[in-house]
Amino acid sequence: MSSNNTLILGIGNTLLSDEGVGIHMLAYLRRHYPALADVEYLDGGTLSFTLAAWIEEADNLIVIDAAELDSTPGTVVVFSGEEMDRFAGKTKRSVHEVSLGDLLAIAHLTDALPANRALVAIQPEEIDWGQCLSNRVKQALPVAGHHVSDLLQQWSAADTGVVAALPTTGGRSQRLSAAR
């Protein structure tokens, strides 16, 4: 499988402050990681079944979203592979058309679920009317950006057989907090 087709899917509602962190993260990545090769950024908004085709076409998938992690606001957790599937499937994300778990299930049923997949989840502080992120969540953007970059490097190294000196989680989640 080629690692040259990576979809970075930001999801959330930018009218509800921290709920929109996935969309804000796309802008952050474009600004701070402009040299990411073979990456397509997609604003997934509040999710829709139309996103299933995008996921099915990707070799690698990174989803960035606000999630209830029962942690300090600004905490970033990375769920990889089947761990992502379990986390996304255990809770209905919102009252909108579809959940992330639904989209992953569709891709699984069509045998098109990317083998390399991860959810970069960020604990929100505020989900209320407003277009700005809270300070704690805004401070988490560099941490989340680092995780995205690490994932891409790990997948590229695994694909090429080149061993990279990167931290690995062995499929386990990584938990870092931007708020100390």
Protein backbone atom coordinates (compact mmCIF):
# COMPACT_ATOMS: atom_id res chain seq x y z
CA MET A 1 0.00 0.00 0.00
CA SER A 2 1.34 3.43 -0.89
CA SER A 3 1.55 6.09 1.75
CA ASN A 4 1.10 8.91 -0.76
CA ASN A 5 -2.60 9.43 -0.24
CA THR A 6 -3.29 10.82 3.21
CA LEU A 7 -6.59 12.41 4.13
CA ILE A 8 -6.56 14.74 7.12
CA LEU A 9 -10.19 15.19 8.07
CA GLY A 10 -11.06 18.01 10.46
CA ILE A 11 -14.53 17.77 11.93
CA GLY A 12 -16.56 20.07 14.10
CA ASN A 13 -18.77 23.12 14.21
CA THR A 14 -16.83 26.41 14.18
CA LEU A 15 -19.86 28.26 15.56
CA LEU A 16 -19.59 26.35 18.85
CA SER A 17 -16.14 27.45 20.11
CA ASP A 18 -14.00 24.39 20.98
CA GLU A 19 -16.33 22.02 19.10
CA GLY A 20 -14.71 23.47 15.94
CA VAL A 21 -11.14 22.54 16.90
CA GLY A 22 -10.86 19.99 14.06
CA ILE A 23 -11.51 22.70 11.48
CA HIS A 24 -9.19 25.18 13.22
CA MET A 25 -6.52 22.48 13.26
CA LEU A 26 -6.61 22.20 9.46
CA ALA A 27 -5.68 25.87 9.17
CA TYR A 28 -2.95 25.40 11.79
CA LEU A 29 -1.43 22.48 9.86
CA ARG A 30 -1.47 24.37 6.57
CA ARG A 31 0.28 27.30 8.23
CA HIS A 32 2.84 25.44 10.36
CA TYR A 33 3.44 22.29 8.30
CA PRO A 34 3.30 23.55 4.69
CA ALA A 35 5.72 20.91 3.41
CA LEU A 36 3.58 17.87 4.26
CA ALA A 37 3.67 15.89 1.04
CA ASP A 38 0.73 14.03 -0.48
CA VAL A 39 -1.73 15.26 2.13
CA GLU A 40 -5.27 16.34 1.38
CA TYR A 41 -7.09 18.45 3.95
CA LEU A 42 -10.85 18.15 4.20
CA ASP A 43 -13.24 20.24 6.27
CA GLY A 44 -15.74 17.59 7.32
CA GLY A 45 -17.96 20.07 9.15
CA THR A 46 -20.45 18.25 11.35
CA LEU A 47 -20.14 15.00 9.38
CA SER A 48 -22.18 13.56 6.57
CA PHE A 49 -22.50 10.24 4.79
CA THR A 50 -20.86 11.94 1.78
CA LEU A 51 -17.52 11.74 3.64
CA ALA A 52 -17.50 7.93 3.35
CA ALA A 53 -16.21 8.10 -0.23
CA TRP A 54 -13.31 10.34 0.83
CA ILE A 55 -12.34 7.91 3.59
CA GLU A 56 -12.58 4.91 1.28
CA GLU A 57 -10.24 6.56 -1.25
CA ALA A 58 -7.53 7.34 1.32
CA ASP A 59 -4.52 5.12 1.99
CA ASN A 60 -4.00 6.88 5.33
CA LEU A 61 -6.55 8.71 7.46
CA ILE A 62 -6.12 11.20 10.28
CA VAL A 63 -9.26 12.60 11.87
CA ILE A 64 -8.99 15.60 14.18
CA ASP A 65 -11.89 16.38 16.47
CA ALA A 66 -12.99 17.57 19.87
CA ALA A 67 -13.86 14.64 22.09
CA GLU A 68 -14.95 14.02 25.66
CA LEU A 69 -11.85 12.41 27.15
CA ASP A 70 -12.69 13.00 30.82
CA SER A 71 -9.47 15.02 30.98
CA THR A 72 -8.19 18.53 31.49
CA PRO A 73 -9.25 20.87 28.67
CA GLY A 74 -6.56 20.93 26.01
CA THR A 75 -5.51 17.32 26.55
CA VAL A 76 -4.64 15.60 23.27
CA VAL A 77 -5.06 11.84 22.86
CA VAL A 78 -4.18 9.84 19.75
CA PHE A 79 -6.19 6.69 19.05
CA SER A 80 -4.68 4.52 16.30
CA GLY A 81 -6.06 1.67 14.22
CA GLU A 82 -8.61 -0.52 15.97
CA GLU A 83 -8.36 1.63 19.08
CA MET A 84 -9.70 4.52 16.98
CA ASP A 85 -12.54 2.32 15.75
CA ARG A 86 -13.50 1.35 19.31
CA PHE A 87 -13.39 4.93 20.58
CA ALA A 88 -15.37 6.30 17.62
CA GLY A 89 -17.92 3.49 17.85
CA LYS A 90 -18.62 3.73 21.57
CA THR A 91 -20.37 7.07 21.50
CA LYS A 92 -22.65 8.96 19.18
CA ARG A 93 -20.69 12.07 18.31
CA SER A 94 -23.57 14.47 17.85
CA VAL A 95 -27.20 14.84 16.87
CA HIS A 96 -26.18 15.38 13.25
CA GLU A 97 -26.70 13.05 10.34
CA VAL A 98 -23.92 10.56 11.08
CA SER A 99 -21.14 9.74 13.56
CA LEU A 100 -17.48 9.04 12.90
CA GLY A 101 -18.15 5.46 13.98
CA ASP A 102 -20.81 5.18 11.27
CA LEU A 103 -18.36 6.39 8.61
CA LEU A 104 -15.68 3.93 9.73
CA ALA A 105 -18.24 1.11 9.70
CA ILE A 106 -19.21 1.96 6.12
CA ALA A 107 -15.56 1.88 5.04
CA HIS A 108 -15.08 -1.42 6.88
CA LEU A 109 -18.11 -2.99 5.23
CA THR A 110 -16.82 -2.02 1.79
CA ASP A 111 -13.36 -3.34 2.71
CA ALA A 112 -11.95 0.16 2.16
CA LEU A 113 -11.00 1.17 5.70
CA PRO A 114 -7.49 2.66 5.60
CA ALA A 115 -5.04 0.41 7.48
CA ASN A 116 -3.21 3.49 8.69
CA ARG A 117 -5.78 5.53 10.57
CA ALA A 118 -5.81 7.64 13.69
CA LEU A 119 -8.02 10.00 15.63
CA VAL A 120 -6.33 13.01 17.18
CA ALA A 121 -8.82 13.93 19.89
CA ILE A 122 -8.72 17.15 21.88
CA GLN A 123 -10.61 17.68 25.14
CA PRO A 124 -12.76 20.83 24.76
CA GLU A 125 -13.22 23.40 27.48
CA GLU A 126 -16.20 25.30 26.07
CA ILE A 127 -18.91 24.21 23.71
CA ASP A 128 -21.07 27.27 23.46
CA TRP A 129 -21.85 29.92 20.86
CA GLY A 130 -18.61 31.51 19.70
CA GLN A 131 -16.16 31.27 16.84
CA CYS A 132 -12.93 31.35 18.88
CA LEU A 133 -11.21 28.48 20.63
CA SER A 134 -10.68 28.68 24.39
CA ASN A 135 -7.10 29.46 25.41
CA ARG A 136 -6.45 25.93 26.68
CA VAL A 137 -7.61 24.33 23.44
CA LYS A 138 -5.73 26.90 21.34
CA GLN A 139 -2.58 25.96 23.29
CA ALA A 140 -3.17 22.30 22.34
CA LEU A 141 -2.86 22.99 18.59
CA PRO A 142 0.96 22.66 18.51
CA VAL A 143 0.76 19.39 20.47
CA ALA A 144 -1.84 18.01 18.07
CA GLY A 145 0.21 19.24 15.08
CA HIS A 146 3.25 17.37 16.39
CA HIS A 147 1.18 14.18 16.69
CA VAL A 148 -0.06 14.53 13.12
CA SER A 149 3.49 15.02 11.86
CA ASP A 150 4.71 12.02 13.88
CA LEU A 151 1.94 9.80 12.51
CA LEU A 152 2.80 10.73 8.93
CA GLN A 153 6.50 10.06 9.54
CA GLN A 154 5.78 6.71 11.21
CA TRP A 155 3.53 5.57 8.38
CA SER A 156 6.02 6.73 5.77
CA ALA A 157 8.87 4.92 7.54
CA ALA A 158 6.80 1.72 7.80
CA ASP A 159 5.91 1.96 4.11
CA THR A 160 9.50 2.47 2.95
CA GLY A 161 11.13 0.16 5.47
CA VAL A 162 13.24 3.01 6.81
CA VAL A 163 13.37 3.03 10.58
CA ALA A 164 12.69 6.48 11.95
CA ALA A 165 13.70 7.68 15.40
CA LEU A 166 10.16 8.54 16.46
CA PRO A 167 8.23 7.73 19.60
CA THR A 168 5.82 4.88 19.07
CA THR A 169 2.80 3.84 21.05
CA GLY A 170 2.52 0.31 19.77
CA GLY A 171 -1.11 0.97 18.91
CA ARG A 172 -1.84 2.46 22.34
CA SER A 173 -3.16 5.96 22.82
CA GLN A 174 -0.87 8.84 23.63
CA ARG A 175 -2.11 11.40 26.12
CA LEU A 176 -0.54 14.83 26.38
CA SER A 177 -1.91 17.95 27.90
CA ALA A 178 -1.14 21.43 26.61
CA ALA A 179 -2.46 22.87 29.85
CA ARG A 180 0.01 22.39 32.67
